[in-house]
Structures are given as structure tokens and as C-alpha cells.
């Protein structure tokens, strides 16, 4: 890993106040969209959707559902990581059709793995499926945080909001989705004192164990 990315990760912090006069460029937003699409997911299924909200009035309407955290309204764009509410057999079949189209793999080669996934997902309880889906959302959030840092984009990962209210305001249930995580993005305000705080982390030797 290059020194540059380490420097950018040191620069990154959970932004507490955004400069609402500065907006991200279309190119920056496209990078985040593509990074989300390229995020790793279990079995490669991509059971997630990303909402990208730039409408000022809509962001304002979501503040109360976000425990009144001002970043929601201030940010250039609000990213909402959503999971599917269920994984149907049709969704799994569509994934394997895509594999055949993009890789040219024969159906008979993919069939054993496809049948395994159909059985595996079909046997999951709703509670276990929800946990599994949430794990996929956190993988995506971690990837987005790193990409934001590398691109000089400020961000603030958020769990503190009312998902049911987001689902209602954004009509997510009708789309078979539910809100899981938030990521306001933009540029830090010069008045955000947290930007100048020293980053507090344990030493590498305290969190990494080398087994040789």
C-alpha cells in the first residue's frame, strides 16, 4: 500500500460539519457510484442498492429521521446504503445469467454452485438473512470510506438514524429495500473543530498479530 493512501486515511475523519456551499463534482459522484458497484460481496451477489440524494429539500426532510444530525442537510450528497428485503430465487437466477453473459461460462458448470446458493439462501431464517444482508452493507460502507479518503472527499458514516422513517419517506418498501447505513459526503467546513483533532488510534502492534 502506498504512503499516499496512508496519508489520506490519516486525513479522513468523521466529518461533523460540511461546507454547504461546496458541492462534489459529477466526476467525484460517479467514482463513488462505480466504487460501490465494485464492492466485494458474499458470493458476488450484490444484494444492495445505493441511494444518492442531492435534493436539498429531501435532505432537509430527512434530518429529523436522522436524530437531527446537521450533516444530513449540510452535505453535498447523502448516500443511503440499502439492502434488499428478501432474496428470491429469481434474484439468484439473474446473477448466474449475468455470469454466463459476461464470462461465457456454460450453464452446466455453474449449476452446482447455483443450486447450492438456492438451497443455502432458501434455508436462512428471516433474522439470519437480515444479519447477512447487513454485513454486506458494512463491507460496502468500508469500501466507500476508503475511496472517499483517496479522492479527498469528506464523509461521515452514520448508524444513528431511524431506518423505518427513512423507508417511509423514501418509499423504499415499495422497491423491496430497507435503509441500513448513511454516508453524507462533501467537503468539511472550515469551522469544524474536529478536523484539527489528532487521530486517536492504538498502535499497529496493538491491533495486528503476526503469526510467522
N, C-alpha and C. Protein backbone atom coordinates (compact mmCIF):
# COMPACT_ATOMS: atom_id res chain seq x y z
N UNK A 1 0.85 -1.19 0.00
CA UNK A 1 0.00 0.00 0.00
C UNK A 1 0.88 1.24 0.00
N UNK A 2 0.60 2.18 -0.85
CA UNK A 2 1.45 3.35 -0.98
C UNK A 2 1.31 4.26 0.23
N UNK A 3 2.31 5.08 0.42
CA UNK A 3 2.27 6.04 1.53
C UNK A 3 1.13 7.02 1.33
N UNK A 4 0.81 7.33 0.08
CA UNK A 4 -0.22 8.32 -0.19
C UNK A 4 -1.57 7.91 0.42
N UNK A 5 -1.96 6.66 0.25
CA UNK A 5 -3.25 6.23 0.78
C UNK A 5 -3.24 6.25 2.31
N UNK A 6 -2.09 5.95 2.92
CA UNK A 6 -1.99 6.03 4.38
C UNK A 6 -2.16 7.48 4.83
N UNK A 7 -1.54 8.40 4.11
CA UNK A 7 -1.71 9.82 4.43
C UNK A 7 -3.17 10.23 4.32
N UNK A 8 -3.85 9.75 3.29
CA UNK A 8 -5.25 10.11 3.10
C UNK A 8 -6.14 9.50 4.17
N UNK A 9 -5.81 8.30 4.63
CA UNK A 9 -6.58 7.69 5.70
C UNK A 9 -6.36 8.42 7.03
N UNK A 10 -5.17 8.98 7.20
CA UNK A 10 -4.92 9.81 8.38
C UNK A 10 -5.68 11.13 8.28
N UNK A 11 -5.84 11.63 7.06
CA UNK A 11 -6.58 12.88 6.82
C UNK A 11 -8.07 12.70 7.07
N UNK A 12 -8.58 11.50 6.80
CA UNK A 12 -10.01 11.22 6.95
C UNK A 12 -10.44 11.27 8.40
N UNK A 13 -11.63 11.76 8.63
CA UNK A 13 -12.25 11.72 9.95
C UNK A 13 -13.76 11.74 9.74
N UNK A 14 -14.52 11.47 10.78
CA UNK A 14 -15.97 11.53 10.68
C UNK A 14 -16.39 13.00 10.71
N UNK A 15 -16.66 13.54 9.56
CA UNK A 15 -16.93 14.97 9.41
C UNK A 15 -18.17 15.37 10.22
N UNK A 16 -18.01 16.36 11.09
CA UNK A 16 -19.12 16.80 11.94
C UNK A 16 -19.85 18.01 11.36
N UNK A 17 -19.22 18.71 10.41
CA UNK A 17 -19.87 19.87 9.79
C UNK A 17 -19.36 20.01 8.36
N UNK A 18 -20.29 20.02 7.41
CA UNK A 18 -19.93 20.18 6.00
C UNK A 18 -20.10 21.63 5.56
N UNK A 19 -19.33 22.01 4.56
CA UNK A 19 -19.47 23.32 3.93
C UNK A 19 -20.59 23.18 2.90
N UNK A 20 -21.77 23.72 3.21
CA UNK A 20 -22.90 23.52 2.31
C UNK A 20 -22.83 24.37 1.05
N UNK A 21 -21.78 25.17 0.92
CA UNK A 21 -21.59 25.95 -0.30
C UNK A 21 -20.70 25.23 -1.31
N UNK A 22 -20.10 24.14 -0.90
CA UNK A 22 -19.20 23.39 -1.78
C UNK A 22 -19.84 22.04 -2.14
N UNK A 23 -19.95 21.78 -3.41
CA UNK A 23 -20.57 20.55 -3.89
C UNK A 23 -19.54 19.65 -4.56
N UNK A 24 -19.76 18.36 -4.47
CA UNK A 24 -18.92 17.42 -5.19
C UNK A 24 -19.21 17.50 -6.68
N UNK A 25 -18.19 17.21 -7.48
CA UNK A 25 -18.37 17.24 -8.93
C UNK A 25 -19.07 15.98 -9.40
N UNK A 26 -19.61 16.04 -10.62
CA UNK A 26 -20.24 14.85 -11.21
C UNK A 26 -19.23 13.71 -11.31
N UNK A 27 -17.98 14.06 -11.59
CA UNK A 27 -16.94 13.03 -11.70
C UNK A 27 -16.71 12.35 -10.36
N UNK A 28 -16.67 13.11 -9.28
CA UNK A 28 -16.48 12.52 -7.95
C UNK A 28 -17.63 11.60 -7.57
N UNK A 29 -18.85 12.02 -7.88
CA UNK A 29 -20.01 11.20 -7.56
C UNK A 29 -20.00 9.93 -8.39
N UNK A 30 -19.58 10.03 -9.65
CA UNK A 30 -19.51 8.85 -10.50
C UNK A 30 -18.49 7.86 -9.97
N UNK A 31 -17.38 8.36 -9.44
CA UNK A 31 -16.37 7.48 -8.85
C UNK A 31 -16.95 6.71 -7.67
N UNK A 32 -17.73 7.40 -6.83
CA UNK A 32 -18.34 6.73 -5.68
C UNK A 32 -19.36 5.70 -6.12
N UNK A 33 -20.12 6.01 -7.16
CA UNK A 33 -21.10 5.05 -7.68
C UNK A 33 -20.40 3.79 -8.20
N UNK A 34 -19.33 4.00 -8.96
CA UNK A 34 -18.62 2.85 -9.52
C UNK A 34 -17.91 2.05 -8.43
N UNK A 35 -17.38 2.76 -7.42
CA UNK A 35 -16.73 2.07 -6.31
C UNK A 35 -17.73 1.20 -5.56
N UNK A 36 -18.93 1.71 -5.38
CA UNK A 36 -19.98 0.92 -4.73
C UNK A 36 -20.29 -0.32 -5.56
N UNK A 37 -20.39 -0.14 -6.85
CA UNK A 37 -20.70 -1.27 -7.73
C UNK A 37 -19.59 -2.32 -7.73
N UNK A 38 -18.36 -1.90 -7.48
CA UNK A 38 -17.22 -2.81 -7.49
C UNK A 38 -16.93 -3.40 -6.11
N UNK A 39 -17.71 -3.02 -5.11
CA UNK A 39 -17.51 -3.53 -3.76
C UNK A 39 -17.66 -5.05 -3.71
N UNK A 40 -16.81 -5.67 -2.92
CA UNK A 40 -16.93 -7.12 -2.71
C UNK A 40 -18.23 -7.43 -1.97
N UNK A 41 -18.82 -8.60 -2.28
CA UNK A 41 -20.00 -9.07 -1.55
C UNK A 41 -19.96 -10.58 -1.53
N UNK A 42 -20.58 -11.17 -0.51
CA UNK A 42 -20.58 -12.62 -0.39
C UNK A 42 -21.18 -13.26 -1.63
N UNK A 43 -20.44 -14.22 -2.19
CA UNK A 43 -20.84 -14.95 -3.39
C UNK A 43 -20.95 -14.04 -4.62
N UNK A 44 -20.60 -12.76 -4.48
CA UNK A 44 -20.70 -11.82 -5.60
C UNK A 44 -22.13 -11.44 -5.94
N UNK A 45 -23.07 -11.66 -5.02
CA UNK A 45 -24.49 -11.48 -5.33
C UNK A 45 -24.94 -10.01 -5.39
N UNK A 46 -24.22 -9.11 -4.74
CA UNK A 46 -24.58 -7.69 -4.71
C UNK A 46 -26.05 -7.46 -4.30
N UNK A 47 -26.41 -7.84 -3.07
CA UNK A 47 -27.79 -7.67 -2.64
C UNK A 47 -28.07 -6.28 -2.07
N UNK A 48 -27.43 -5.27 -2.63
CA UNK A 48 -27.51 -3.91 -2.12
C UNK A 48 -27.92 -2.93 -3.20
N UNK A 49 -28.42 -1.78 -2.75
CA UNK A 49 -28.65 -0.64 -3.62
C UNK A 49 -28.10 0.60 -2.92
N UNK A 50 -27.68 1.58 -3.69
CA UNK A 50 -27.18 2.83 -3.14
C UNK A 50 -28.06 3.98 -3.61
N UNK A 51 -28.66 4.69 -2.66
CA UNK A 51 -29.40 5.90 -3.00
C UNK A 51 -28.45 7.08 -2.91
N UNK A 52 -28.44 7.92 -3.93
CA UNK A 52 -27.61 9.12 -3.95
C UNK A 52 -28.54 10.32 -3.97
N UNK A 53 -28.61 11.03 -2.85
CA UNK A 53 -29.57 12.12 -2.69
C UNK A 53 -28.86 13.46 -2.71
N UNK A 54 -29.21 14.31 -3.68
CA UNK A 54 -28.64 15.65 -3.76
C UNK A 54 -29.71 16.73 -3.56
N UNK A 55 -30.99 16.35 -3.63
CA UNK A 55 -32.08 17.31 -3.49
C UNK A 55 -32.09 17.93 -2.09
N UNK A 56 -31.94 19.24 -2.03
CA UNK A 56 -31.81 19.94 -0.75
C UNK A 56 -33.04 19.78 0.13
N UNK A 57 -34.22 19.86 -0.47
CA UNK A 57 -35.45 19.76 0.30
C UNK A 57 -35.62 18.36 0.88
N UNK A 58 -35.26 17.35 0.10
CA UNK A 58 -35.36 15.97 0.58
C UNK A 58 -34.39 15.72 1.72
N UNK A 59 -33.17 16.23 1.58
CA UNK A 59 -32.19 16.08 2.67
C UNK A 59 -32.70 16.74 3.94
N UNK A 60 -33.28 17.91 3.79
CA UNK A 60 -33.83 18.64 4.94
C UNK A 60 -34.93 17.83 5.62
N UNK A 61 -35.76 17.19 4.82
CA UNK A 61 -36.86 16.39 5.36
C UNK A 61 -36.38 15.14 6.09
N UNK A 62 -35.13 14.74 5.83
CA UNK A 62 -34.59 13.53 6.46
C UNK A 62 -33.84 13.83 7.77
N UNK A 63 -33.67 15.09 8.10
CA UNK A 63 -32.89 15.45 9.29
C UNK A 63 -33.52 14.89 10.56
N UNK A 64 -34.82 15.06 10.72
CA UNK A 64 -35.48 14.58 11.92
C UNK A 64 -35.38 13.06 12.05
N UNK A 65 -35.42 12.37 10.91
CA UNK A 65 -35.29 10.91 10.92
C UNK A 65 -33.84 10.48 11.12
N UNK A 66 -32.93 11.46 11.19
CA UNK A 66 -31.50 11.19 11.37
C UNK A 66 -31.02 11.70 12.71
N UNK A 67 -31.93 11.71 13.69
CA UNK A 67 -31.61 12.17 15.05
C UNK A 67 -31.09 13.60 15.04
N UNK A 68 -31.62 14.38 14.10
CA UNK A 68 -31.30 15.81 13.97
C UNK A 68 -29.81 16.10 13.76
N UNK A 69 -29.12 15.18 13.13
CA UNK A 69 -27.71 15.41 12.82
C UNK A 69 -27.60 16.32 11.59
N UNK A 70 -26.94 17.45 11.79
CA UNK A 70 -26.95 18.51 10.78
C UNK A 70 -26.21 18.14 9.50
N UNK A 71 -25.34 17.14 9.58
CA UNK A 71 -24.60 16.76 8.37
C UNK A 71 -25.52 16.32 7.24
N UNK A 72 -26.67 15.79 7.58
CA UNK A 72 -27.61 15.29 6.58
C UNK A 72 -28.04 16.41 5.64
N UNK A 73 -28.30 17.57 6.19
CA UNK A 73 -28.74 18.71 5.38
C UNK A 73 -27.56 19.46 4.77
N UNK A 74 -26.43 19.49 5.47
CA UNK A 74 -25.28 20.27 5.00
C UNK A 74 -24.52 19.60 3.86
N UNK A 75 -24.51 18.29 3.84
CA UNK A 75 -23.63 17.57 2.91
C UNK A 75 -23.98 17.85 1.46
N UNK A 76 -23.01 17.64 0.60
CA UNK A 76 -23.24 17.79 -0.84
C UNK A 76 -24.21 16.73 -1.32
N UNK A 77 -23.95 15.48 -0.95
CA UNK A 77 -24.80 14.35 -1.32
C UNK A 77 -24.94 13.41 -0.12
N UNK A 78 -26.10 12.86 0.03
CA UNK A 78 -26.33 11.86 1.07
C UNK A 78 -26.43 10.50 0.42
N UNK A 79 -25.55 9.59 0.82
CA UNK A 79 -25.57 8.22 0.32
C UNK A 79 -26.29 7.34 1.34
N UNK A 80 -27.26 6.58 0.87
CA UNK A 80 -28.00 5.68 1.73
C UNK A 80 -27.77 4.26 1.22
N UNK A 81 -27.11 3.45 2.04
CA UNK A 81 -26.85 2.06 1.67
C UNK A 81 -28.06 1.23 2.09
N UNK A 82 -28.67 0.57 1.11
CA UNK A 82 -29.89 -0.21 1.35
C UNK A 82 -29.66 -1.68 1.03
N UNK A 83 -30.35 -2.53 1.77
CA UNK A 83 -30.33 -3.95 1.47
C UNK A 83 -31.68 -4.34 0.89
N UNK A 84 -31.71 -5.45 0.17
CA UNK A 84 -32.96 -6.00 -0.30
C UNK A 84 -33.72 -6.56 0.90
N UNK A 85 -35.03 -6.52 0.86
CA UNK A 85 -35.82 -7.06 1.96
C UNK A 85 -35.93 -8.57 1.90
N UNK A 86 -35.67 -9.14 0.72
CA UNK A 86 -35.66 -10.59 0.59
C UNK A 86 -34.80 -10.97 -0.61
N UNK A 87 -34.30 -12.19 -0.58
CA UNK A 87 -33.52 -12.71 -1.71
C UNK A 87 -34.33 -13.83 -2.35
N UNK A 88 -34.92 -13.54 -3.48
CA UNK A 88 -35.76 -14.52 -4.16
C UNK A 88 -34.92 -15.45 -5.03
N UNK A 89 -35.50 -16.57 -5.40
CA UNK A 89 -34.83 -17.48 -6.34
C UNK A 89 -34.56 -16.76 -7.65
N UNK A 90 -35.49 -15.90 -8.05
CA UNK A 90 -35.32 -15.16 -9.31
C UNK A 90 -34.11 -14.27 -9.28
N UNK A 91 -33.83 -13.64 -8.11
CA UNK A 91 -32.65 -12.78 -8.00
C UNK A 91 -31.37 -13.60 -8.17
N UNK A 92 -31.34 -14.77 -7.57
CA UNK A 92 -30.15 -15.63 -7.67
C UNK A 92 -29.99 -16.14 -9.11
N UNK A 93 -31.08 -16.53 -9.73
CA UNK A 93 -31.01 -16.98 -11.12
C UNK A 93 -30.51 -15.85 -12.03
N UNK A 94 -30.92 -14.61 -11.76
CA UNK A 94 -30.49 -13.48 -12.59
C UNK A 94 -28.98 -13.26 -12.47
N UNK A 95 -28.43 -13.53 -11.28
CA UNK A 95 -26.98 -13.40 -11.10
C UNK A 95 -26.24 -14.39 -11.98
N UNK A 96 -26.70 -15.62 -12.00
CA UNK A 96 -26.00 -16.64 -12.79
C UNK A 96 -26.17 -16.41 -14.29
N UNK A 97 -27.28 -15.83 -14.69
CA UNK A 97 -27.45 -15.45 -16.10
C UNK A 97 -26.42 -14.39 -16.47
N UNK A 98 -26.18 -13.47 -15.54
CA UNK A 98 -25.19 -12.42 -15.77
C UNK A 98 -23.79 -13.01 -15.88
N UNK A 99 -23.49 -13.99 -15.03
CA UNK A 99 -22.18 -14.66 -15.10
C UNK A 99 -22.00 -15.31 -16.47
N UNK A 100 -23.02 -15.97 -16.95
CA UNK A 100 -22.94 -16.63 -18.26
C UNK A 100 -22.75 -15.61 -19.38
N UNK A 101 -23.42 -14.48 -19.28
CA UNK A 101 -23.32 -13.45 -20.30
C UNK A 101 -21.94 -12.81 -20.31
N UNK A 102 -21.42 -12.49 -19.13
CA UNK A 102 -20.18 -11.72 -19.05
C UNK A 102 -18.92 -12.58 -19.09
N UNK A 103 -19.02 -13.83 -18.70
CA UNK A 103 -17.84 -14.71 -18.70
C UNK A 103 -17.92 -15.80 -19.76
N UNK A 104 -19.11 -16.03 -20.26
CA UNK A 104 -19.28 -17.10 -21.24
C UNK A 104 -19.21 -18.47 -20.62
N UNK A 105 -19.42 -18.56 -19.31
CA UNK A 105 -19.38 -19.85 -18.64
C UNK A 105 -20.63 -20.66 -18.97
N UNK A 106 -20.45 -21.93 -19.21
CA UNK A 106 -21.59 -22.79 -19.54
C UNK A 106 -22.47 -23.02 -18.32
N UNK A 107 -23.76 -23.15 -18.57
CA UNK A 107 -24.74 -23.33 -17.50
C UNK A 107 -24.45 -24.58 -16.68
N UNK A 108 -24.00 -25.65 -17.34
CA UNK A 108 -23.77 -26.91 -16.62
C UNK A 108 -22.62 -26.79 -15.63
N UNK A 109 -21.69 -25.87 -15.88
CA UNK A 109 -20.57 -25.66 -14.95
C UNK A 109 -21.04 -24.88 -13.72
N UNK A 110 -21.95 -23.93 -13.95
CA UNK A 110 -22.44 -23.07 -12.87
C UNK A 110 -23.54 -23.73 -12.05
N UNK A 111 -24.21 -24.71 -12.61
CA UNK A 111 -25.39 -25.30 -11.98
C UNK A 111 -25.15 -25.77 -10.54
N UNK A 112 -24.04 -26.48 -10.23
CA UNK A 112 -23.86 -26.94 -8.84
C UNK A 112 -23.77 -25.78 -7.84
N UNK A 113 -23.05 -24.72 -8.21
CA UNK A 113 -22.93 -23.57 -7.32
C UNK A 113 -24.27 -22.84 -7.19
N UNK A 114 -24.96 -22.70 -8.31
CA UNK A 114 -26.28 -22.06 -8.30
C UNK A 114 -27.24 -22.81 -7.39
N UNK A 115 -27.27 -24.13 -7.53
CA UNK A 115 -28.18 -24.94 -6.73
C UNK A 115 -27.83 -24.88 -5.25
N UNK A 116 -26.52 -24.81 -4.97
CA UNK A 116 -26.07 -24.66 -3.58
C UNK A 116 -26.59 -23.35 -2.99
N UNK A 117 -26.45 -22.26 -3.74
CA UNK A 117 -26.90 -20.96 -3.23
C UNK A 117 -28.42 -20.93 -3.05
N UNK A 118 -29.14 -21.50 -3.98
CA UNK A 118 -30.59 -21.54 -3.87
C UNK A 118 -31.01 -22.26 -2.57
N UNK A 119 -30.33 -23.35 -2.28
CA UNK A 119 -30.63 -24.10 -1.06
C UNK A 119 -30.18 -23.34 0.18
N UNK A 120 -28.96 -22.78 0.12
CA UNK A 120 -28.39 -22.05 1.26
C UNK A 120 -29.26 -20.86 1.65
N UNK A 121 -29.62 -20.05 0.67
CA UNK A 121 -30.41 -18.86 0.94
C UNK A 121 -31.85 -19.23 1.32
N UNK A 122 -32.36 -20.28 0.71
CA UNK A 122 -33.71 -20.71 1.00
C UNK A 122 -33.89 -21.21 2.41
N UNK A 123 -32.80 -21.70 3.03
CA UNK A 123 -32.88 -22.25 4.38
C UNK A 123 -32.63 -21.20 5.46
N UNK A 124 -32.22 -20.00 5.06
CA UNK A 124 -31.96 -18.94 6.04
C UNK A 124 -33.27 -18.46 6.66
N UNK A 125 -33.25 -18.27 7.98
CA UNK A 125 -34.39 -17.64 8.63
C UNK A 125 -34.40 -16.16 8.26
N UNK A 126 -35.54 -15.49 8.35
CA UNK A 126 -35.57 -14.05 8.07
C UNK A 126 -34.58 -13.27 8.92
N UNK A 127 -34.41 -13.69 10.18
CA UNK A 127 -33.48 -13.00 11.08
C UNK A 127 -32.04 -13.16 10.61
N UNK A 128 -31.66 -14.38 10.24
CA UNK A 128 -30.30 -14.62 9.78
C UNK A 128 -30.03 -13.95 8.44
N UNK A 129 -31.04 -13.91 7.59
CA UNK A 129 -30.88 -13.23 6.30
C UNK A 129 -30.65 -11.74 6.52
N UNK A 130 -31.38 -11.15 7.45
CA UNK A 130 -31.21 -9.72 7.73
C UNK A 130 -29.80 -9.43 8.23
N UNK A 131 -29.29 -10.30 9.09
CA UNK A 131 -27.92 -10.13 9.60
C UNK A 131 -26.91 -10.25 8.46
N UNK A 132 -27.08 -11.25 7.62
CA UNK A 132 -26.17 -11.46 6.48
C UNK A 132 -26.19 -10.26 5.54
N UNK A 133 -27.39 -9.75 5.26
CA UNK A 133 -27.51 -8.60 4.37
C UNK A 133 -26.84 -7.37 4.97
N UNK A 134 -27.00 -7.17 6.28
CA UNK A 134 -26.38 -6.02 6.94
C UNK A 134 -24.86 -6.09 6.85
N UNK A 135 -24.31 -7.30 6.93
CA UNK A 135 -22.86 -7.46 6.79
C UNK A 135 -22.39 -6.99 5.41
N UNK A 136 -23.19 -7.26 4.39
CA UNK A 136 -22.83 -6.81 3.04
C UNK A 136 -22.82 -5.29 2.98
N UNK A 137 -23.76 -4.67 3.68
CA UNK A 137 -23.84 -3.20 3.69
C UNK A 137 -22.59 -2.60 4.35
N UNK A 138 -22.11 -3.23 5.41
CA UNK A 138 -20.93 -2.71 6.09
C UNK A 138 -19.67 -2.87 5.24
N UNK A 139 -19.60 -3.95 4.46
CA UNK A 139 -18.48 -4.10 3.53
C UNK A 139 -18.47 -2.93 2.55
N UNK A 140 -19.65 -2.60 2.02
CA UNK A 140 -19.75 -1.50 1.06
C UNK A 140 -19.40 -0.17 1.70
N UNK A 141 -19.85 0.04 2.94
CA UNK A 141 -19.53 1.29 3.62
C UNK A 141 -18.03 1.45 3.81
N UNK A 142 -17.36 0.37 4.23
CA UNK A 142 -15.91 0.44 4.41
C UNK A 142 -15.19 0.79 3.13
N UNK A 143 -15.64 0.19 2.03
CA UNK A 143 -15.03 0.49 0.75
C UNK A 143 -15.25 1.95 0.37
N UNK A 144 -16.45 2.45 0.55
CA UNK A 144 -16.76 3.84 0.22
C UNK A 144 -15.94 4.82 1.07
N UNK A 145 -15.73 4.49 2.34
CA UNK A 145 -14.94 5.36 3.20
C UNK A 145 -13.50 5.48 2.69
N UNK A 146 -12.94 4.35 2.28
CA UNK A 146 -11.56 4.37 1.77
C UNK A 146 -11.47 5.13 0.45
N UNK A 147 -12.43 4.92 -0.43
CA UNK A 147 -12.44 5.63 -1.71
C UNK A 147 -12.61 7.13 -1.49
N UNK A 148 -13.51 7.49 -0.58
CA UNK A 148 -13.67 8.92 -0.25
C UNK A 148 -12.35 9.52 0.20
N UNK A 149 -11.66 8.83 1.09
CA UNK A 149 -10.38 9.34 1.58
C UNK A 149 -9.37 9.50 0.46
N UNK A 150 -9.30 8.50 -0.41
CA UNK A 150 -8.32 8.55 -1.50
C UNK A 150 -8.61 9.67 -2.48
N UNK A 151 -9.89 10.07 -2.60
CA UNK A 151 -10.30 11.11 -3.53
C UNK A 151 -10.42 12.49 -2.88
N UNK A 152 -10.07 12.59 -1.60
CA UNK A 152 -10.15 13.86 -0.91
C UNK A 152 -11.58 14.31 -0.65
N UNK A 153 -12.47 13.34 -0.48
CA UNK A 153 -13.88 13.62 -0.21
C UNK A 153 -14.14 13.38 1.27
N UNK A 154 -14.74 14.34 1.93
CA UNK A 154 -15.07 14.16 3.34
C UNK A 154 -16.35 13.35 3.48
N UNK A 155 -16.45 12.62 4.58
CA UNK A 155 -17.60 11.75 4.78
C UNK A 155 -17.85 11.56 6.27
N UNK A 156 -19.01 11.01 6.58
CA UNK A 156 -19.35 10.73 7.98
C UNK A 156 -20.24 9.50 8.04
N UNK A 157 -19.69 8.33 8.35
CA UNK A 157 -20.52 7.12 8.42
C UNK A 157 -21.50 7.22 9.58
N UNK A 158 -22.74 6.86 9.33
CA UNK A 158 -23.79 7.00 10.35
C UNK A 158 -24.64 5.75 10.49
N UNK A 159 -24.77 5.29 11.73
CA UNK A 159 -25.75 4.28 12.08
C UNK A 159 -26.93 4.92 12.82
N UNK A 160 -26.70 6.12 13.35
CA UNK A 160 -27.68 6.80 14.18
C UNK A 160 -28.80 7.46 13.38
N UNK A 161 -29.79 6.68 13.01
CA UNK A 161 -30.97 7.21 12.32
C UNK A 161 -32.10 6.21 12.50
N UNK A 162 -33.29 6.60 12.08
CA UNK A 162 -34.46 5.74 12.22
C UNK A 162 -34.77 5.10 10.86
N UNK A 163 -34.31 3.86 10.65
CA UNK A 163 -34.47 3.21 9.34
C UNK A 163 -35.91 3.16 8.86
N UNK A 164 -36.84 2.88 9.76
CA UNK A 164 -38.24 2.77 9.34
C UNK A 164 -38.75 4.09 8.77
N UNK A 165 -38.30 5.21 9.37
CA UNK A 165 -38.73 6.51 8.87
C UNK A 165 -38.10 6.80 7.50
N UNK A 166 -36.85 6.40 7.32
CA UNK A 166 -36.22 6.53 6.01
C UNK A 166 -36.97 5.72 4.97
N UNK A 167 -37.32 4.48 5.35
CA UNK A 167 -38.03 3.61 4.42
C UNK A 167 -39.35 4.25 3.98
N UNK A 168 -40.02 4.90 4.94
CA UNK A 168 -41.30 5.52 4.62
C UNK A 168 -41.13 6.77 3.77
N UNK A 169 -40.23 7.65 4.16
CA UNK A 169 -40.03 8.91 3.45
C UNK A 169 -39.55 8.67 2.02
N UNK A 170 -38.67 7.70 1.85
CA UNK A 170 -38.07 7.43 0.53
C UNK A 170 -38.82 6.37 -0.27
N UNK A 171 -39.88 5.81 0.31
CA UNK A 171 -40.65 4.79 -0.41
C UNK A 171 -39.86 3.53 -0.69
N UNK A 172 -39.00 3.15 0.24
CA UNK A 172 -38.10 2.02 -0.01
C UNK A 172 -38.82 0.68 0.00
N UNK A 173 -39.81 0.55 0.86
CA UNK A 173 -40.52 -0.73 0.95
C UNK A 173 -41.12 -1.13 -0.39
N UNK A 174 -41.64 -0.12 -1.12
CA UNK A 174 -42.23 -0.38 -2.43
C UNK A 174 -41.19 -0.87 -3.44
N UNK A 175 -39.93 -0.56 -3.16
CA UNK A 175 -38.84 -1.01 -4.04
C UNK A 175 -38.20 -2.29 -3.54
N UNK A 176 -38.75 -2.86 -2.46
CA UNK A 176 -38.17 -4.08 -1.90
C UNK A 176 -36.85 -3.83 -1.21
N UNK A 177 -36.70 -2.63 -0.62
CA UNK A 177 -35.44 -2.24 0.02
C UNK A 177 -35.68 -1.73 1.42
N UNK A 178 -34.57 -1.69 2.20
CA UNK A 178 -34.62 -1.06 3.51
C UNK A 178 -33.29 -0.35 3.76
N UNK A 179 -33.36 0.82 4.39
CA UNK A 179 -32.16 1.61 4.68
C UNK A 179 -31.39 0.98 5.82
N UNK A 180 -30.07 0.88 5.66
CA UNK A 180 -29.23 0.24 6.68
C UNK A 180 -28.16 1.19 7.22
N UNK A 181 -27.53 1.95 6.33
CA UNK A 181 -26.44 2.84 6.73
C UNK A 181 -26.50 4.14 5.93
N UNK A 182 -25.97 5.21 6.54
CA UNK A 182 -25.91 6.51 5.87
C UNK A 182 -24.47 6.95 5.71
N UNK A 183 -24.20 7.68 4.63
CA UNK A 183 -22.88 8.26 4.42
C UNK A 183 -23.02 9.63 3.75
N UNK A 184 -23.17 10.69 4.56
CA UNK A 184 -23.11 12.03 3.98
C UNK A 184 -21.71 12.29 3.44
N UNK A 185 -21.62 12.89 2.27
CA UNK A 185 -20.31 13.19 1.67
C UNK A 185 -20.28 14.63 1.18
N UNK A 186 -19.09 15.19 1.12
CA UNK A 186 -18.93 16.57 0.66
C UNK A 186 -17.57 17.10 1.04
N UNK A 187 -17.54 18.36 1.48
CA UNK A 187 -16.29 18.99 1.91
C UNK A 187 -16.47 19.55 3.31
N UNK A 188 -15.49 19.31 4.16
CA UNK A 188 -15.56 19.76 5.55
C UNK A 188 -15.67 21.28 5.65
N UNK A 189 -16.40 21.72 6.66
CA UNK A 189 -16.50 23.15 6.92
C UNK A 189 -15.23 23.64 7.62
N UNK A 190 -14.74 24.83 7.27
CA UNK A 190 -13.57 25.36 7.98
C UNK A 190 -13.85 25.60 9.46
N UNK A 191 -15.12 25.59 9.84
CA UNK A 191 -15.49 25.82 11.23
C UNK A 191 -15.60 24.52 12.04
N UNK A 192 -15.38 23.39 11.40
CA UNK A 192 -15.47 22.11 12.10
C UNK A 192 -14.18 21.88 12.88
N UNK A 193 -14.25 22.08 14.19
CA UNK A 193 -13.06 21.94 15.03
C UNK A 193 -12.53 20.52 15.05
N UNK A 194 -13.40 19.54 14.78
CA UNK A 194 -12.96 18.15 14.81
C UNK A 194 -11.95 17.83 13.71
N UNK A 195 -11.93 18.64 12.67
CA UNK A 195 -11.00 18.40 11.57
C UNK A 195 -9.54 18.53 12.01
N UNK A 196 -9.31 19.29 13.07
CA UNK A 196 -7.94 19.53 13.52
C UNK A 196 -7.54 18.67 14.71
N UNK A 197 -8.46 17.84 15.17
CA UNK A 197 -8.12 16.97 16.30
C UNK A 197 -7.15 15.88 15.85
N UNK A 198 -6.23 15.53 16.72
CA UNK A 198 -5.32 14.43 16.43
C UNK A 198 -6.12 13.13 16.33
N UNK A 199 -5.77 12.29 15.37
CA UNK A 199 -6.46 11.00 15.24
C UNK A 199 -5.99 10.07 16.35
N UNK A 200 -6.94 9.51 17.08
CA UNK A 200 -6.62 8.62 18.18
C UNK A 200 -6.77 7.17 17.73
N UNK A 201 -5.68 6.47 17.66
CA UNK A 201 -5.68 5.06 17.28
C UNK A 201 -4.64 4.32 18.11
N UNK A 202 -4.93 3.08 18.43
CA UNK A 202 -3.92 2.24 19.05
C UNK A 202 -2.80 2.01 18.04
N UNK A 203 -1.62 1.66 18.51
CA UNK A 203 -0.51 1.39 17.61
C UNK A 203 -0.76 0.14 16.78
N UNK A 204 -0.10 0.06 15.63
CA UNK A 204 -0.26 -1.09 14.75
C UNK A 204 0.04 -2.39 15.50
N UNK A 205 1.08 -2.37 16.33
CA UNK A 205 1.47 -3.57 17.06
C UNK A 205 0.42 -3.99 18.08
N UNK A 206 -0.47 -3.06 18.46
CA UNK A 206 -1.52 -3.38 19.42
C UNK A 206 -2.74 -4.02 18.78
N UNK A 207 -2.90 -3.83 17.46
CA UNK A 207 -4.11 -4.34 16.81
C UNK A 207 -3.82 -5.41 15.76
N UNK A 208 -2.54 -5.63 15.48
CA UNK A 208 -2.16 -6.64 14.49
C UNK A 208 -1.31 -7.70 15.15
N UNK A 209 -1.64 -8.95 14.87
CA UNK A 209 -0.85 -10.07 15.39
C UNK A 209 -0.22 -10.79 14.21
N UNK A 210 1.10 -10.82 14.17
CA UNK A 210 1.82 -11.52 13.12
C UNK A 210 2.10 -12.95 13.57
N UNK A 211 1.66 -13.91 12.77
CA UNK A 211 1.95 -15.31 13.06
C UNK A 211 2.93 -15.81 12.00
N UNK A 212 4.15 -16.06 12.40
CA UNK A 212 5.20 -16.43 11.45
C UNK A 212 5.61 -17.88 11.64
